[in-house]
Every structure is written in C-alpha cells, then in structure tokens.
Amino acid sequence: MKKVERINIIMRYINNRAHFTISEIMREFNISRSTAIRDIRDIEAMGIPLVTEVGRDGGYSVMKNSVLPVVHFNDNEVKALFIAFMATRNQQLPYLKSRQSIAEKLLGLISENQQDDLVLLNQILIFEGTNPHNPDILNLSDLPHPILEKLIQILLLDRYLLISIKEGEVIKSYSIYLLHLYHENSLWLIEGFDLKEEKKQVFSVDHLTNVKPYEAKKRLSDQKILEKLSKQEELINLVLELGPKAIAQYKKYHPLKVSISYTNPYLVTAVLKTFINVNKSEELTEITNWLLFLGGDIKVREVPEEVLEGLKERLCLYCP
C-alpha cells in the first residue's frame, strides 16, 4: 500500500475513534513503530488536531468537534470525475438529482482554469445516448422511472419483495426474491426468483407500479433458492427468443408449463427457457408441432438434437 493511500485510511480510522495507540496502528496496518509514528506526525501536520495522552497506556485522541481537512483534487482526478458524469448521461440512473448537486459542489472546489478545461471537454466528448444539442451536465432530462429509487431503498433492507407489474391492461402481483437489478439496452430490469412458481423471471422496472417488502411467515432461505435455481439451470435445454409475432402465437396456445420473460418495455420481445424430456415421444412430438406453430419470428439459442431432427422430418414433408 502506498504511503498516501495508507495515510488517508489511517486518517479515517482515527477520526472514528475516541482513543488510539501506536500499537493499534501498527497491528491494524501491519507497519513498524517508526513508520506509524511518522504517519501520525504527517497527519498532525495536515491539520487533524491530536491530543497526546501520557501515562503507562498512553496514546492519542482526536480533539472533539474536529473534522477531516478539506479534500483537494488534482487535474486528472477532476477530469476523471466529470468524464464519469458525462458518460452516464441518459442512462436513467438512480439518485440522479444528487449528480447535479455533486457536480455543482465540485465546480465550486476547482480553479477557473480547471473549469475551462471541463467546459471544453463537455463540448468535444460525446458518449452514446448523449444529445449533442443539449450536453449540459447539470441538466436532468434523463430522470429514471420514479419507482426505481424506492425499489433500491427497499432492497437495502430486504430482497423478498411483493411487486405489481402492468401487463397490458392488467396489473399482476408477484412475490419474488430479487437476484439482480441491472441496466441493459437502456432498460432497468429485475431478475427475480418467483416464490410461487419457483422459477426465475425477468421484469421491466418501467412496468413496475408498486413495490413493498414481502411479508411472509415462512420464507425459503437464500441457500434453498440458489439450490433450486442451480437445479433448474442444469435441466434447461430449450431457450428461445420470441419476436412480436411469436409472442402473439404463444398467447394463443402454449403447451409448456412455463411463462415467457419480456425483455422489452413494450412487451414485443421475450425469452422462453424450459426443459424438454426427449425420452418421451409424445412430449417430443408436441414441442415440435408447437415450434412450427410459433412461426419464423423466433431465434433458437439452445435446442435438443432430437427436436431438430423432428423439425427436419416435418419440414421435409413439404419438400417437392
């Protein structure tokens, strides 16, 4: 660990304690007595008021009501922070309003020359999704779904959720254990374990109408859920991507005891994952007929060889 990094960590370590000794610093940071003493002297020179306590146990204490010294950023650190802000515009990130206040505070900390550099960078750097006609970093035109921050706040307390999802004109409720909350193709998506159906599902945050902790007397443990998911993933051998026409056909008829997971806020694309028992001829015939029924608006990610052979045989019936 570099000296500057170590001193910064020690500063925070001692600022959160009423009393500390050189021996504690030596053990905590695995450094020699002479190094610990030099670091403490450097920290005192930076402005943290330390009071020396004499006696057998001795040590130091931080003067009450003291605060850490003002943080200073060098030119490259300032540029790194603002480029990170620029790159995240139009990403519908949570806590976006805080980005504005942070940017304003940082602008107040830096020199006019540094501000001029940032203005120039803001003019010449364009990231994917940025509107070149409105590149103002303080403009909050890309606010996320209003329920996203509420969802995150609840997740910090409990991952067992009761969510309400709008599906067409109907609102359905799902009790889930949230596995991941992720951002993909400009959409925030919830990947959760459906506690009722005992399977993984994906929901769009854009269709979320309400969320609250799932109050249940008996819950599956995290370990049990992961075990069930692991077994299911081992069994999955059919994975399909469905377009709008295939979804319409799916709604008309589907023999599988599995639901599709929408991957688009307008419900026009979806993924279907399930297991086909190729040793049962009836099930094999049924799935072959059903895939033909879905039509050409599907992409096959994974399929058993037996199903492919069945499809070839059926299609050959129409060959001249």
Protein backbone atom coordinates (compact mmCIF):
# COMPACT_ATOMS: atom_id res chain seq x y z
CA MET A 1 0.00 0.00 0.00
CA LYS A 2 1.38 3.41 -0.97
CA LYS A 3 2.08 5.93 1.78
CA VAL A 4 -0.54 8.47 0.58
CA GLU A 5 -3.22 5.77 0.43
CA ARG A 6 -2.24 4.42 3.86
CA ILE A 7 -2.31 7.87 5.48
CA ASN A 8 -5.78 8.57 4.04
CA ILE A 9 -7.07 5.31 5.52
CA ILE A 10 -5.39 5.97 8.90
CA MET A 11 -6.98 9.45 8.97
CA ARG A 12 -10.43 7.92 8.68
CA TYR A 13 -9.54 5.17 11.15
CA ILE A 14 -8.53 7.59 13.92
CA ASN A 15 -11.28 10.09 13.15
CA ASN A 16 -13.88 7.44 14.07
CA ARG A 17 -12.25 6.61 17.42
CA ALA A 18 -12.14 8.44 20.71
CA HIS A 19 -8.72 7.00 21.52
CA PHE A 20 -5.97 5.03 19.77
CA THR A 21 -2.39 3.95 20.37
CA ILE A 22 0.69 3.50 18.22
CA SER A 23 0.49 -0.26 18.86
CA GLU A 24 -3.06 -0.36 17.46
CA ILE A 25 -1.96 1.48 14.31
CA MET A 26 0.98 -0.95 13.93
CA ARG A 27 -1.30 -4.00 14.18
CA GLU A 28 -4.13 -2.60 12.08
CA PHE A 29 -1.95 -1.53 9.16
CA ASN A 30 0.92 -4.01 9.57
CA ILE A 31 3.61 -1.32 9.77
CA SER A 32 6.63 -0.75 12.02
CA ARG A 33 6.63 1.53 15.08
CA SER A 34 8.81 4.13 13.35
CA THR A 35 6.53 4.16 10.27
CA ALA A 36 3.43 4.53 12.48
CA ILE A 37 4.97 7.47 14.35
CA ARG A 38 5.97 9.19 11.08
CA ASP A 39 2.46 8.71 9.68
CA ILE A 40 0.88 10.20 12.82
CA ARG A 41 3.19 13.21 12.59
CA ASP A 42 2.30 13.68 8.92
CA ILE A 43 -1.41 13.54 9.80
CA GLU A 44 -0.93 16.16 12.53
CA ALA A 45 0.88 18.37 10.02
CA MET A 46 -2.15 18.13 7.69
CA GLY A 47 -4.39 19.75 10.30
CA ILE A 48 -6.02 16.99 12.34
CA PRO A 49 -5.76 18.10 15.99
CA LEU A 50 -4.48 15.15 18.03
CA VAL A 51 -4.08 15.23 21.81
CA THR A 52 -1.23 13.18 23.30
CA GLU A 53 -2.14 11.21 26.41
CA VAL A 54 0.75 10.45 28.75
CA GLY A 55 0.96 7.53 31.13
CA ARG A 56 1.52 3.80 31.02
CA ASP A 57 -1.20 3.10 28.47
CA GLY A 58 -0.72 6.46 26.74
CA GLY A 59 -1.83 7.06 23.18
CA TYR A 60 -3.68 9.73 21.26
CA SER A 61 -7.19 11.09 20.99
CA VAL A 62 -8.81 13.32 18.38
CA MET A 63 -9.92 16.71 19.66
CA LYS A 64 -13.70 16.87 19.92
CA ASN A 65 -15.67 18.58 17.11
CA SER A 66 -12.70 18.19 14.79
CA VAL A 67 -13.23 17.39 11.12
CA LEU A 68 -11.09 15.94 8.39
CA PRO A 69 -9.15 18.50 6.34
CA VAL A 70 -10.59 19.78 3.06
CA VAL A 71 -10.23 17.30 0.20
CA HIS A 72 -8.25 18.53 -2.79
CA PHE A 73 -8.41 17.06 -6.30
CA ASN A 74 -5.64 17.21 -8.86
CA ASP A 75 -6.35 17.99 -12.53
CA ASN A 76 -6.62 14.35 -13.64
CA GLU A 77 -8.93 13.43 -10.73
CA VAL A 78 -11.27 16.32 -11.58
CA LYS A 79 -11.36 15.29 -15.25
CA ALA A 80 -11.99 11.64 -14.29
CA LEU A 81 -14.99 12.61 -12.12
CA PHE A 82 -16.60 14.81 -14.76
CA ILE A 83 -15.99 12.37 -17.62
CA ALA A 84 -17.71 9.71 -15.48
CA PHE A 85 -20.67 12.09 -15.13
CA MET A 86 -20.69 12.74 -18.89
CA ALA A 87 -20.61 9.03 -19.70
CA THR A 88 -23.63 8.30 -17.51
CA ARG A 89 -25.95 10.88 -19.02
CA ASN A 90 -29.18 9.48 -20.45
CA GLN A 91 -28.62 6.21 -18.57
CA GLN A 92 -31.62 6.80 -16.26
CA LEU A 93 -29.51 6.19 -13.17
CA PRO A 94 -30.96 6.24 -9.65
CA TYR A 95 -30.20 9.19 -7.37
CA LEU A 96 -29.70 11.35 -10.46
CA LYS A 97 -30.62 14.54 -8.65
CA SER A 98 -27.60 14.01 -6.42
CA ARG A 99 -25.38 14.02 -9.51
CA GLN A 100 -26.39 17.62 -10.10
CA SER A 101 -25.55 18.75 -6.56
CA ILE A 102 -22.24 16.85 -6.62
CA ALA A 103 -21.28 18.48 -9.90
CA GLU A 104 -22.13 21.92 -8.51
CA LYS A 105 -20.01 21.30 -5.39
CA LEU A 106 -17.06 20.07 -7.45
CA LEU A 107 -17.26 23.11 -9.72
CA GLY A 108 -17.05 25.27 -6.61
CA LEU A 109 -13.87 23.49 -5.47
CA ILE A 110 -11.80 23.84 -8.63
CA SER A 111 -9.99 26.74 -10.23
CA GLU A 112 -11.22 28.76 -13.23
CA ASN A 113 -8.62 27.09 -15.46
CA GLN A 114 -9.91 23.66 -14.44
CA GLN A 115 -13.48 24.80 -15.10
CA ASP A 116 -12.46 25.98 -18.59
CA ASP A 117 -10.95 22.54 -19.30
CA LEU A 118 -14.20 20.86 -18.26
CA VAL A 119 -16.30 23.16 -20.45
CA LEU A 120 -14.10 22.23 -23.43
CA LEU A 121 -14.30 18.51 -22.64
CA ASN A 122 -18.07 18.80 -22.36
CA GLN A 123 -18.18 20.28 -25.86
CA ILE A 124 -15.94 17.77 -27.63
CA LEU A 125 -16.73 14.48 -25.84
CA ILE A 126 -19.98 12.80 -26.92
CA PHE A 127 -20.94 9.44 -25.47
CA GLU A 128 -23.56 7.01 -26.72
CA GLY A 129 -27.04 8.28 -25.96
CA THR A 130 -25.96 11.88 -25.36
CA ASN A 131 -27.99 14.58 -27.05
CA PRO A 132 -25.33 16.77 -28.78
CA HIS A 133 -27.75 19.71 -28.83
CA ASN A 134 -28.24 19.61 -25.07
CA PRO A 135 -24.96 18.45 -23.49
CA ASP A 136 -25.34 20.38 -20.22
CA ILE A 137 -24.05 18.09 -17.47
CA LEU A 138 -26.30 19.78 -14.90
CA ASN A 139 -29.43 19.21 -16.98
CA LEU A 140 -31.61 16.43 -15.54
CA SER A 141 -33.60 15.43 -18.61
CA ASP A 142 -32.77 11.76 -18.14
CA LEU A 143 -34.54 11.04 -14.86
CA PRO A 144 -35.19 7.32 -14.27
CA HIS A 145 -38.51 5.64 -13.55
CA PRO A 146 -39.82 7.30 -10.36
CA ILE A 147 -40.14 3.98 -8.52
CA LEU A 148 -36.50 2.92 -9.13
CA GLU A 149 -35.07 4.69 -6.08
CA LYS A 150 -37.88 3.35 -3.89
CA LEU A 151 -37.05 -0.16 -5.13
CA ILE A 152 -33.37 0.28 -4.25
CA GLN A 153 -34.16 1.65 -0.79
CA ILE A 154 -36.33 -1.39 -0.04
CA LEU A 155 -33.64 -3.73 -1.42
CA LEU A 156 -31.13 -2.38 1.06
CA LEU A 157 -33.42 -3.72 3.80
CA ASP A 158 -34.99 -6.81 2.25
CA ARG A 159 -34.65 -8.75 -1.02
CA TYR A 160 -38.01 -10.50 -0.58
CA LEU A 161 -40.44 -8.29 -2.48
CA LEU A 162 -44.07 -8.08 -3.47
CA ILE A 163 -44.14 -6.29 -6.83
CA SER A 164 -47.02 -5.17 -9.00
CA ILE A 165 -46.41 -5.30 -12.77
CA LYS A 166 -48.61 -3.83 -15.51
CA GLU A 167 -49.05 -6.41 -18.26
CA GLY A 168 -51.14 -4.84 -20.99
CA GLU A 169 -54.28 -3.57 -19.27
CA VAL A 170 -53.91 -5.91 -16.30
CA ILE A 171 -51.84 -5.42 -13.14
CA LYS A 172 -50.43 -8.64 -11.68
CA SER A 173 -48.65 -9.19 -8.38
CA TYR A 174 -45.58 -11.37 -7.90
CA SER A 175 -43.80 -12.39 -4.73
CA ILE A 176 -40.11 -12.63 -5.60
CA TYR A 177 -36.63 -12.91 -4.17
CA LEU A 178 -34.59 -10.36 -6.09
CA LEU A 179 -31.44 -11.81 -7.62
CA HIS A 180 -30.21 -8.82 -9.63
CA LEU A 181 -31.24 -5.33 -10.65
CA TYR A 182 -29.45 -4.48 -13.87
CA HIS A 183 -29.36 -1.99 -16.74
CA GLU A 184 -29.43 -3.40 -20.28
CA ASN A 185 -30.28 -1.80 -23.63
CA SER A 186 -31.40 1.43 -21.87
CA LEU A 187 -33.79 -0.54 -19.64
CA TRP A 188 -33.73 -1.30 -15.92
CA LEU A 189 -34.62 -4.95 -15.37
CA ILE A 190 -35.42 -7.03 -12.30
CA GLU A 191 -34.21 -10.61 -12.28
CA GLY A 192 -36.03 -12.42 -9.52
CA PHE A 193 -36.95 -15.86 -8.25
CA ASP A 194 -40.74 -16.24 -8.35
CA LEU A 195 -41.53 -17.66 -4.90
CA LYS A 196 -44.89 -19.08 -6.03
CA GLU A 197 -43.86 -20.65 -9.34
CA GLU A 198 -40.34 -21.38 -8.03
CA LYS A 199 -38.59 -20.20 -11.18
CA LYS A 200 -36.53 -17.27 -12.41
CA GLN A 201 -38.35 -14.36 -14.04
CA VAL A 202 -37.33 -11.02 -15.58
CA PHE A 203 -39.47 -7.90 -15.12
CA SER A 204 -39.09 -4.42 -16.57
CA VAL A 205 -38.90 -1.62 -13.99
CA ASP A 206 -40.81 0.56 -16.48
CA HIS A 207 -43.86 -1.65 -15.87
CA LEU A 208 -43.50 -1.61 -12.09
CA THR A 209 -46.49 0.08 -10.44
CA ASN A 210 -45.73 -0.73 -6.81
CA VAL A 211 -43.16 -2.49 -4.66
CA LYS A 212 -43.01 -3.36 -0.96
CA PRO A 213 -41.34 -5.94 1.28
CA TYR A 214 -42.90 -9.38 1.06
CA GLU A 215 -44.31 -10.19 4.46
CA ALA A 216 -44.49 -13.95 4.86
CA LYS A 217 -44.36 -16.16 7.93
CA LYS A 218 -42.33 -18.78 6.13
CA ARG A 219 -39.66 -17.90 3.60
CA LEU A 220 -37.34 -20.01 1.54
CA SER A 221 -33.78 -19.39 2.65
CA ASP A 222 -31.28 -17.81 0.28
CA GLN A 223 -29.46 -21.12 0.09
CA LYS A 224 -32.62 -23.05 -0.82
CA ILE A 225 -33.44 -20.57 -3.58
CA LEU A 226 -29.95 -20.81 -5.06
CA GLU A 227 -30.12 -24.62 -4.90
CA LYS A 228 -33.44 -24.65 -6.78
CA LEU A 229 -32.07 -22.25 -9.42
CA SER A 230 -28.96 -24.35 -9.84
CA LYS A 231 -31.02 -27.49 -10.45
CA GLN A 232 -33.29 -25.68 -12.91
CA GLU A 233 -30.37 -24.28 -14.89
CA GLU A 234 -28.93 -27.78 -15.19
CA LEU A 235 -32.23 -29.01 -16.64
CA ILE A 236 -32.89 -26.23 -19.18
CA ASN A 237 -32.29 -27.43 -22.74
CA LEU A 238 -34.60 -25.21 -24.80
CA VAL A 239 -34.02 -21.48 -24.99
CA LEU A 240 -35.96 -19.30 -27.45
CA GLU A 241 -36.03 -15.59 -28.26
CA LEU A 242 -39.52 -14.55 -29.31
CA GLY A 243 -40.43 -11.60 -31.52
CA PRO A 244 -43.86 -9.89 -31.56
CA LYS A 245 -45.45 -12.39 -33.99
CA ALA A 246 -44.18 -15.36 -32.00
CA ILE A 247 -45.44 -13.78 -28.75
CA ALA A 248 -48.89 -13.41 -30.33
CA GLN A 249 -48.83 -17.10 -31.27
CA TYR A 250 -47.60 -18.03 -27.79
CA LYS A 251 -50.59 -16.23 -26.25
CA LYS A 252 -52.93 -18.22 -28.47
CA TYR A 253 -51.51 -21.56 -27.45
CA HIS A 254 -48.61 -22.91 -25.42
CA PRO A 255 -48.42 -26.43 -24.01
CA LEU A 256 -45.45 -25.69 -21.77
CA LYS A 257 -45.86 -25.09 -18.05
CA VAL A 258 -43.57 -22.09 -18.22
CA SER A 259 -44.05 -18.40 -18.82
CA ILE A 260 -42.07 -16.10 -21.07
CA SER A 261 -39.91 -13.28 -19.69
CA TYR A 262 -40.37 -9.99 -21.53
CA THR A 263 -37.16 -8.20 -22.49
CA ASN A 264 -38.72 -5.04 -23.89
CA PRO A 265 -40.85 -2.38 -22.14
CA TYR A 266 -43.42 -2.62 -24.93
CA LEU A 267 -43.75 -6.40 -24.48
CA VAL A 268 -42.66 -7.10 -28.07
CA THR A 269 -39.66 -9.32 -27.32
CA ALA A 270 -39.29 -12.13 -24.81
CA VAL A 271 -37.21 -15.13 -23.79
CA LEU A 272 -38.54 -18.61 -23.05
CA LYS A 273 -36.47 -21.19 -21.15
CA THR A 274 -37.58 -24.71 -20.28
CA PHE A 275 -36.68 -28.39 -20.21
CA ILE A 276 -37.84 -30.90 -22.83
CA ASN A 277 -37.83 -34.58 -21.94
CA VAL A 278 -36.63 -36.05 -25.25
CA ASN A 279 -37.20 -39.58 -23.95
CA LYS A 280 -40.98 -39.05 -24.05
CA SER A 281 -42.11 -39.36 -27.67
CA GLU A 282 -45.44 -37.63 -27.02
CA GLU A 283 -43.75 -34.58 -25.49
CA LEU A 284 -41.19 -34.51 -28.31
CA THR A 285 -43.92 -34.54 -30.97
CA GLU A 286 -45.91 -31.88 -29.14
CA ILE A 287 -42.98 -29.48 -28.84
CA THR A 288 -42.04 -30.00 -32.49
CA ASN A 289 -45.55 -29.10 -33.61
CA TRP A 290 -45.61 -26.12 -31.28
CA LEU A 291 -42.32 -24.68 -32.57
CA LEU A 292 -43.74 -24.81 -36.09
CA PHE A 293 -46.89 -23.13 -34.77
CA LEU A 294 -44.84 -20.25 -33.35
CA GLY A 295 -43.60 -19.46 -36.85
CA GLY A 296 -40.43 -17.85 -38.11
CA ASP A 297 -40.32 -14.96 -35.62
CA ILE A 298 -38.13 -16.88 -33.19
CA LYS A 299 -34.41 -17.29 -32.62
CA VAL A 300 -33.22 -20.56 -31.17
CA ARG A 301 -30.42 -20.19 -28.61
CA GLU A 302 -30.46 -23.80 -27.45
CA VAL A 303 -32.42 -26.86 -28.56
CA PRO A 304 -32.02 -30.65 -28.15
CA GLU A 305 -30.79 -32.55 -31.22
CA GLU A 306 -33.89 -34.74 -31.09
CA VAL A 307 -36.13 -31.68 -31.52
CA LEU A 308 -34.07 -30.51 -34.50
CA GLU A 309 -34.40 -33.90 -36.14
CA GLY A 310 -38.15 -33.83 -35.61
CA LEU A 311 -38.37 -30.38 -37.21
CA LYS A 312 -36.35 -31.54 -40.23
CA GLU A 313 -38.63 -34.55 -40.72
CA ARG A 314 -41.75 -32.39 -40.54
CA LEU A 315 -40.35 -29.82 -42.96
CA CYS A 316 -39.26 -32.49 -45.40
CA LEU A 317 -42.93 -33.50 -45.77
CA TYR A 318 -43.42 -30.21 -47.62
CA CYS A 319 -40.34 -30.66 -49.83
CA PRO A 320 -41.04 -31.44 -53.52
